Amino acid sequence: MANHIVYPTTEQIIEYNILALNMIRVKKADKVEVLSEARIDRVIKECKEAEGDIYDKAVCLLKGIIQEHAFASGNRRTSFIATKNFVISNKGKFRIKDDPYYARVMQGIRENYYDDNEIKEWIKNGKIKEFKR
């Protein structure tokens, strides 16, 4: 793994949102709109300050983008793309399959159903329990 960690910029995360909404249309009402750049900045800052390896920081990034809700649409899709790019850019393995089934897991992350260790395991090894309410 890289000693020097490469973090996304606010501008890159905004670009990921635009990409996500143009490539993965879910709702007719989806729209590209940044609700708060400050929330994105806060997520990046928390990611940089997080203790641990790139997977711990990836958990922070994934959860942060989902839960801070900085965009009008596509927060979960954006978090997936940003986190995947972050892990791969830092020479890690991103083992979450690009499968619509995992949209439910992302909902669970939004609702704090999973703890950080479960999310880290999911990113590293692609395994996580089913989201149940």
N, C-alpha and C. Protein backbone atom coordinates (compact mmCIF):
# COMPACT_ATOMS: atom_id res chain seq x y z
N MET A 1 0.83 -1.18 0.00
CA MET A 1 0.00 0.00 0.00
C MET A 1 0.88 1.24 0.00
N ALA A 2 0.32 2.29 -0.53
CA ALA A 2 1.07 3.54 -0.64
C ALA A 2 1.27 4.18 0.73
N ASN A 3 2.47 4.73 0.93
CA ASN A 3 2.73 5.48 2.16
C ASN A 3 2.06 6.84 2.08
N HIS A 4 2.06 7.42 0.89
CA HIS A 4 1.43 8.71 0.67
C HIS A 4 0.00 8.46 0.19
N ILE A 5 -0.97 8.88 0.97
CA ILE A 5 -2.37 8.63 0.63
C ILE A 5 -2.90 9.77 -0.23
N VAL A 6 -3.55 9.40 -1.32
CA VAL A 6 -4.15 10.35 -2.24
C VAL A 6 -5.63 10.47 -1.89
N TYR A 7 -6.06 11.69 -1.59
CA TYR A 7 -7.46 11.94 -1.22
C TYR A 7 -8.19 12.64 -2.37
N PRO A 8 -9.49 12.40 -2.50
CA PRO A 8 -10.25 13.12 -3.52
C PRO A 8 -10.41 14.58 -3.13
N THR A 9 -10.61 15.42 -4.12
CA THR A 9 -10.91 16.83 -3.86
C THR A 9 -12.42 17.01 -3.90
N THR A 10 -12.86 18.14 -3.40
CA THR A 10 -14.29 18.47 -3.46
C THR A 10 -14.75 18.48 -4.92
N GLU A 11 -13.95 19.05 -5.79
CA GLU A 11 -14.29 19.13 -7.21
C GLU A 11 -14.43 17.74 -7.82
N GLN A 12 -13.54 16.82 -7.46
CA GLN A 12 -13.63 15.46 -7.98
C GLN A 12 -14.91 14.78 -7.52
N ILE A 13 -15.27 14.96 -6.27
CA ILE A 13 -16.48 14.33 -5.75
C ILE A 13 -17.72 14.91 -6.45
N ILE A 14 -17.71 16.19 -6.72
CA ILE A 14 -18.81 16.80 -7.48
C ILE A 14 -18.87 16.20 -8.89
N GLU A 15 -17.71 15.99 -9.51
CA GLU A 15 -17.66 15.36 -10.84
C GLU A 15 -18.20 13.93 -10.78
N TYR A 16 -17.88 13.19 -9.71
CA TYR A 16 -18.40 11.83 -9.55
C TYR A 16 -19.92 11.85 -9.46
N ASN A 17 -20.48 12.88 -8.81
CA ASN A 17 -21.93 12.99 -8.72
C ASN A 17 -22.55 13.20 -10.10
N ILE A 18 -21.94 14.08 -10.88
CA ILE A 18 -22.43 14.33 -12.24
C ILE A 18 -22.35 13.04 -13.06
N LEU A 19 -21.23 12.35 -12.96
CA LEU A 19 -21.03 11.09 -13.66
C LEU A 19 -22.07 10.05 -13.23
N ALA A 20 -22.25 9.91 -11.92
CA ALA A 20 -23.20 8.93 -11.39
C ALA A 20 -24.61 9.19 -11.89
N LEU A 21 -25.02 10.44 -11.89
CA LEU A 21 -26.38 10.76 -12.31
C LEU A 21 -26.58 10.60 -13.81
N ASN A 22 -25.53 10.82 -14.59
CA ASN A 22 -25.64 10.65 -16.03
C ASN A 22 -25.53 9.20 -16.47
N MET A 23 -24.79 8.40 -15.71
CA MET A 23 -24.56 7.00 -16.09
C MET A 23 -25.57 6.04 -15.46
N ILE A 24 -26.01 6.36 -14.25
CA ILE A 24 -26.87 5.44 -13.51
C ILE A 24 -28.16 6.19 -13.14
N ARG A 25 -29.07 6.22 -14.06
CA ARG A 25 -30.34 6.92 -13.85
C ARG A 25 -31.25 6.01 -13.03
N VAL A 26 -31.71 6.49 -11.90
CA VAL A 26 -32.60 5.69 -11.05
C VAL A 26 -33.99 6.29 -11.03
N LYS A 27 -34.06 7.58 -10.82
CA LYS A 27 -35.36 8.26 -10.73
C LYS A 27 -35.43 9.35 -11.78
N LYS A 28 -36.63 9.56 -12.27
CA LYS A 28 -36.84 10.63 -13.24
C LYS A 28 -36.48 11.99 -12.63
N ALA A 29 -36.71 12.12 -11.34
CA ALA A 29 -36.47 13.40 -10.65
C ALA A 29 -35.01 13.64 -10.29
N ASP A 30 -34.11 12.68 -10.60
CA ASP A 30 -32.69 12.88 -10.31
C ASP A 30 -32.21 14.18 -10.94
N LYS A 31 -31.49 14.98 -10.15
CA LYS A 31 -30.94 16.21 -10.72
C LYS A 31 -29.58 16.49 -10.13
N VAL A 32 -28.73 17.06 -10.97
CA VAL A 32 -27.39 17.45 -10.55
C VAL A 32 -27.51 18.77 -9.80
N GLU A 33 -27.27 18.70 -8.50
CA GLU A 33 -27.30 19.91 -7.68
C GLU A 33 -26.49 19.67 -6.42
N VAL A 34 -25.53 20.54 -6.18
CA VAL A 34 -24.74 20.48 -4.95
C VAL A 34 -25.50 21.27 -3.89
N LEU A 35 -25.86 20.61 -2.80
CA LEU A 35 -26.56 21.29 -1.72
C LEU A 35 -25.58 22.00 -0.79
N SER A 36 -24.38 21.40 -0.63
CA SER A 36 -23.41 21.99 0.29
C SER A 36 -21.99 21.50 0.00
N GLU A 37 -21.16 22.39 -0.54
CA GLU A 37 -19.74 22.05 -0.71
C GLU A 37 -19.07 21.91 0.64
N ALA A 38 -19.55 22.64 1.64
CA ALA A 38 -18.97 22.57 2.98
C ALA A 38 -19.09 21.16 3.56
N ARG A 39 -20.18 20.47 3.26
CA ARG A 39 -20.35 19.09 3.74
C ARG A 39 -19.33 18.17 3.09
N ILE A 40 -19.09 18.38 1.81
CA ILE A 40 -18.09 17.57 1.10
C ILE A 40 -16.71 17.85 1.70
N ASP A 41 -16.40 19.11 1.90
CA ASP A 41 -15.13 19.49 2.52
C ASP A 41 -14.96 18.81 3.88
N ARG A 42 -16.03 18.78 4.66
CA ARG A 42 -15.98 18.17 6.00
C ARG A 42 -15.70 16.67 5.91
N VAL A 43 -16.33 16.00 4.95
CA VAL A 43 -16.10 14.56 4.76
C VAL A 43 -14.64 14.30 4.42
N ILE A 44 -14.09 15.08 3.50
CA ILE A 44 -12.68 14.90 3.11
C ILE A 44 -11.76 15.15 4.30
N LYS A 45 -12.04 16.19 5.06
CA LYS A 45 -11.23 16.52 6.24
C LYS A 45 -11.28 15.37 7.25
N GLU A 46 -12.48 14.84 7.51
CA GLU A 46 -12.62 13.73 8.46
C GLU A 46 -11.90 12.49 7.95
N CYS A 47 -11.95 12.27 6.65
CA CYS A 47 -11.25 11.14 6.04
C CYS A 47 -9.74 11.28 6.25
N LYS A 48 -9.21 12.46 6.03
CA LYS A 48 -7.78 12.70 6.22
C LYS A 48 -7.36 12.52 7.67
N GLU A 49 -8.23 12.90 8.59
CA GLU A 49 -7.91 12.83 10.02
C GLU A 49 -8.19 11.46 10.64
N ALA A 50 -8.90 10.62 9.92
CA ALA A 50 -9.27 9.30 10.46
C ALA A 50 -8.02 8.46 10.71
N GLU A 51 -8.02 7.76 11.82
CA GLU A 51 -6.93 6.84 12.15
C GLU A 51 -7.07 5.58 11.30
N GLY A 52 -5.96 4.91 11.07
CA GLY A 52 -6.02 3.62 10.41
C GLY A 52 -5.48 3.63 8.99
N ASP A 53 -5.75 2.53 8.31
CA ASP A 53 -5.26 2.33 6.95
C ASP A 53 -6.24 2.91 5.92
N ILE A 54 -5.96 2.64 4.65
CA ILE A 54 -6.83 3.22 3.61
C ILE A 54 -8.25 2.68 3.70
N TYR A 55 -8.42 1.47 4.22
CA TYR A 55 -9.76 0.91 4.33
C TYR A 55 -10.56 1.61 5.42
N ASP A 56 -9.90 1.97 6.52
CA ASP A 56 -10.58 2.75 7.56
C ASP A 56 -10.98 4.12 7.01
N LYS A 57 -10.10 4.71 6.23
CA LYS A 57 -10.38 6.01 5.64
C LYS A 57 -11.47 5.89 4.56
N ALA A 58 -11.48 4.77 3.85
CA ALA A 58 -12.51 4.52 2.84
C ALA A 58 -13.89 4.41 3.49
N VAL A 59 -13.95 3.77 4.66
CA VAL A 59 -15.21 3.68 5.41
C VAL A 59 -15.70 5.09 5.74
N CYS A 60 -14.80 5.92 6.21
CA CYS A 60 -15.12 7.31 6.56
C CYS A 60 -15.66 8.06 5.33
N LEU A 61 -15.04 7.86 4.20
CA LEU A 61 -15.45 8.52 2.96
C LEU A 61 -16.82 8.02 2.51
N LEU A 62 -16.99 6.71 2.48
CA LEU A 62 -18.25 6.11 2.03
C LEU A 62 -19.41 6.57 2.90
N LYS A 63 -19.26 6.41 4.22
CA LYS A 63 -20.32 6.82 5.15
C LYS A 63 -20.55 8.32 5.10
N GLY A 64 -19.47 9.07 5.05
CA GLY A 64 -19.59 10.53 5.08
C GLY A 64 -20.38 11.09 3.92
N ILE A 65 -20.08 10.62 2.72
CA ILE A 65 -20.79 11.14 1.54
C ILE A 65 -22.26 10.74 1.60
N ILE A 66 -22.53 9.51 2.02
CA ILE A 66 -23.92 9.06 2.12
C ILE A 66 -24.67 9.85 3.18
N GLN A 67 -24.10 9.97 4.36
CA GLN A 67 -24.82 10.54 5.49
C GLN A 67 -24.85 12.07 5.51
N GLU A 68 -23.86 12.72 4.93
CA GLU A 68 -23.86 14.18 4.90
C GLU A 68 -24.85 14.74 3.88
N HIS A 69 -25.20 13.93 2.90
CA HIS A 69 -26.21 14.30 1.90
C HIS A 69 -25.92 15.67 1.27
N ALA A 70 -24.75 15.78 0.67
CA ALA A 70 -24.31 17.05 0.08
C ALA A 70 -24.93 17.32 -1.30
N PHE A 71 -25.58 16.31 -1.87
CA PHE A 71 -26.16 16.45 -3.20
C PHE A 71 -27.68 16.26 -3.16
N ALA A 72 -28.37 16.87 -4.11
CA ALA A 72 -29.83 16.71 -4.19
C ALA A 72 -30.19 15.27 -4.55
N SER A 73 -29.36 14.63 -5.36
CA SER A 73 -29.61 13.26 -5.82
C SER A 73 -28.28 12.51 -5.94
N GLY A 74 -28.35 11.20 -5.83
CA GLY A 74 -27.19 10.36 -6.13
C GLY A 74 -26.11 10.29 -5.07
N ASN A 75 -26.43 10.55 -3.83
CA ASN A 75 -25.41 10.52 -2.77
C ASN A 75 -24.80 9.13 -2.61
N ARG A 76 -25.62 8.09 -2.64
CA ARG A 76 -25.09 6.73 -2.48
C ARG A 76 -24.28 6.30 -3.70
N ARG A 77 -24.77 6.62 -4.87
CA ARG A 77 -24.02 6.29 -6.10
C ARG A 77 -22.69 7.04 -6.13
N THR A 78 -22.73 8.30 -5.75
CA THR A 78 -21.50 9.12 -5.71
C THR A 78 -20.51 8.55 -4.71
N SER A 79 -21.00 8.15 -3.54
CA SER A 79 -20.10 7.61 -2.51
C SER A 79 -19.44 6.32 -2.99
N PHE A 80 -20.18 5.50 -3.71
CA PHE A 80 -19.62 4.25 -4.24
C PHE A 80 -18.47 4.55 -5.20
N ILE A 81 -18.70 5.44 -6.15
CA ILE A 81 -17.68 5.78 -7.14
C ILE A 81 -16.47 6.43 -6.48
N ALA A 82 -16.71 7.38 -5.59
CA ALA A 82 -15.61 8.09 -4.92
C ALA A 82 -14.77 7.14 -4.07
N THR A 83 -15.44 6.24 -3.36
CA THR A 83 -14.73 5.30 -2.49
C THR A 83 -13.94 4.29 -3.32
N LYS A 84 -14.54 3.79 -4.38
CA LYS A 84 -13.83 2.85 -5.25
C LYS A 84 -12.57 3.50 -5.82
N ASN A 85 -12.70 4.72 -6.31
CA ASN A 85 -11.55 5.42 -6.87
C ASN A 85 -10.50 5.67 -5.79
N PHE A 86 -10.92 6.04 -4.59
CA PHE A 86 -9.99 6.29 -3.48
C PHE A 86 -9.17 5.04 -3.17
N VAL A 87 -9.83 3.91 -3.02
CA VAL A 87 -9.14 2.67 -2.67
C VAL A 87 -8.18 2.26 -3.78
N ILE A 88 -8.64 2.26 -5.01
CA ILE A 88 -7.80 1.84 -6.13
C ILE A 88 -6.63 2.81 -6.34
N SER A 89 -6.87 4.11 -6.19
CA SER A 89 -5.80 5.11 -6.34
C SER A 89 -4.70 4.93 -5.30
N ASN A 90 -5.06 4.32 -4.18
CA ASN A 90 -4.10 4.09 -3.11
C ASN A 90 -3.63 2.64 -3.06
N LYS A 91 -3.72 1.97 -4.20
CA LYS A 91 -3.18 0.62 -4.40
C LYS A 91 -3.86 -0.45 -3.54
N GLY A 92 -5.10 -0.18 -3.16
CA GLY A 92 -5.86 -1.16 -2.39
C GLY A 92 -6.75 -1.99 -3.31
N LYS A 93 -7.40 -2.96 -2.73
CA LYS A 93 -8.35 -3.81 -3.46
C LYS A 93 -9.76 -3.42 -3.05
N PHE A 94 -10.59 -3.14 -4.04
CA PHE A 94 -11.99 -2.78 -3.81
C PHE A 94 -12.81 -3.96 -4.29
N ARG A 95 -13.37 -4.72 -3.36
CA ARG A 95 -13.99 -5.99 -3.72
C ARG A 95 -15.52 -5.96 -3.72
N ILE A 96 -16.11 -4.77 -3.63
CA ILE A 96 -17.57 -4.70 -3.71
C ILE A 96 -17.96 -4.84 -5.17
N LYS A 97 -18.83 -5.79 -5.44
CA LYS A 97 -19.29 -5.98 -6.80
C LYS A 97 -20.22 -4.84 -7.19
N ASP A 98 -20.14 -4.46 -8.44
CA ASP A 98 -21.01 -3.41 -8.97
C ASP A 98 -22.35 -4.06 -9.31
N ASP A 99 -23.18 -4.22 -8.29
CA ASP A 99 -24.42 -4.98 -8.41
C ASP A 99 -25.55 -4.18 -7.75
N PRO A 100 -26.68 -4.00 -8.45
CA PRO A 100 -27.80 -3.25 -7.87
C PRO A 100 -28.28 -3.82 -6.54
N TYR A 101 -28.01 -5.09 -6.28
CA TYR A 101 -28.38 -5.71 -4.99
C TYR A 101 -27.81 -4.90 -3.82
N TYR A 102 -26.64 -4.33 -4.00
CA TYR A 102 -25.97 -3.63 -2.91
C TYR A 102 -26.55 -2.24 -2.63
N ALA A 103 -27.52 -1.82 -3.42
CA ALA A 103 -28.20 -0.55 -3.11
C ALA A 103 -28.85 -0.63 -1.74
N ARG A 104 -29.32 -1.81 -1.36
CA ARG A 104 -29.92 -2.01 -0.03
C ARG A 104 -28.87 -1.85 1.06
N VAL A 105 -27.68 -2.33 0.81
CA VAL A 105 -26.59 -2.18 1.79
C VAL A 105 -26.28 -0.69 1.97
N MET A 106 -26.24 0.03 0.87
CA MET A 106 -25.97 1.47 0.94
C MET A 106 -27.06 2.18 1.76
N GLN A 107 -28.30 1.72 1.62
CA GLN A 107 -29.38 2.26 2.45
C GLN A 107 -29.11 1.96 3.92
N GLY A 108 -28.63 0.76 4.20
CA GLY A 108 -28.29 0.39 5.57
C GLY A 108 -27.17 1.25 6.14
N ILE A 109 -26.20 1.59 5.30
CA ILE A 109 -25.11 2.47 5.74
C ILE A 109 -25.68 3.84 6.07
N ARG A 110 -26.57 4.31 5.25
CA ARG A 110 -27.20 5.62 5.50
C ARG A 110 -27.92 5.64 6.85
N GLU A 111 -28.52 4.51 7.20
CA GLU A 111 -29.31 4.41 8.43
C GLU A 111 -28.50 3.89 9.62
N ASN A 112 -27.18 3.82 9.48
CA ASN A 112 -26.29 3.33 10.56
C ASN A 112 -26.59 1.90 11.00
N TYR A 113 -27.03 1.07 10.07
CA TYR A 113 -27.31 -0.33 10.37
C TYR A 113 -26.01 -1.12 10.56
N TYR A 114 -24.98 -0.73 9.83
CA TYR A 114 -23.70 -1.43 9.87
C TYR A 114 -22.68 -0.64 10.68
N ASP A 115 -21.80 -1.37 11.38
CA ASP A 115 -20.71 -0.68 12.07
C ASP A 115 -19.52 -0.56 11.10
N ASP A 116 -18.54 0.22 11.51
CA ASP A 116 -17.40 0.50 10.63
C ASP A 116 -16.63 -0.76 10.24
N ASN A 117 -16.51 -1.71 11.15
CA ASN A 117 -15.79 -2.95 10.83
C ASN A 117 -16.51 -3.77 9.77
N GLU A 118 -17.84 -3.77 9.81
CA GLU A 118 -18.61 -4.49 8.78
C GLU A 118 -18.43 -3.83 7.42
N ILE A 119 -18.43 -2.52 7.39
CA ILE A 119 -18.25 -1.79 6.13
C ILE A 119 -16.83 -2.00 5.60
N LYS A 120 -15.86 -1.97 6.49
CA LYS A 120 -14.46 -2.21 6.09
C LYS A 120 -14.31 -3.60 5.48
N GLU A 121 -14.91 -4.60 6.09
CA GLU A 121 -14.89 -5.97 5.57
C GLU A 121 -15.53 -6.02 4.18
N TRP A 122 -16.59 -5.30 4.00
CA TRP A 122 -17.29 -5.26 2.71
C TRP A 122 -16.38 -4.68 1.63
N ILE A 123 -15.72 -3.58 1.93
CA ILE A 123 -14.83 -2.94 0.96
C ILE A 123 -13.65 -3.86 0.64
N LYS A 124 -13.04 -4.45 1.66
CA LYS A 124 -11.85 -5.29 1.47
C LYS A 124 -12.15 -6.64 0.84
N ASN A 125 -13.26 -7.26 1.27
CA ASN A 125 -13.51 -8.65 0.88
C ASN A 125 -14.84 -8.89 0.19
N GLY A 126 -15.65 -7.85 0.04
CA GLY A 126 -16.92 -7.98 -0.68
C GLY A 126 -18.00 -8.72 0.08
N LYS A 127 -17.84 -8.86 1.39
CA LYS A 127 -18.82 -9.62 2.18
C LYS A 127 -19.46 -8.74 3.24
N ILE A 128 -20.80 -8.82 3.31
CA ILE A 128 -21.54 -8.06 4.32
C ILE A 128 -22.90 -8.72 4.51
N LYS A 129 -23.42 -8.63 5.73
CA LYS A 129 -24.74 -9.22 5.99
C LYS A 129 -25.81 -8.42 5.26
N GLU A 130 -26.93 -9.08 5.03
CA GLU A 130 -28.05 -8.43 4.36
C GLU A 130 -28.64 -7.33 5.24
N PHE A 131 -29.09 -6.26 4.61
CA PHE A 131 -29.73 -5.17 5.34
C PHE A 131 -31.18 -5.54 5.61
N LYS A 132 -31.53 -5.53 6.89
CA LYS A 132 -32.92 -5.81 7.30
C LYS A 132 -33.35 -4.74 8.27
N ARG A 133 -34.56 -4.28 8.10
CA ARG A 133 -35.10 -3.27 9.02
C ARG A 133 -35.80 -3.94 10.17
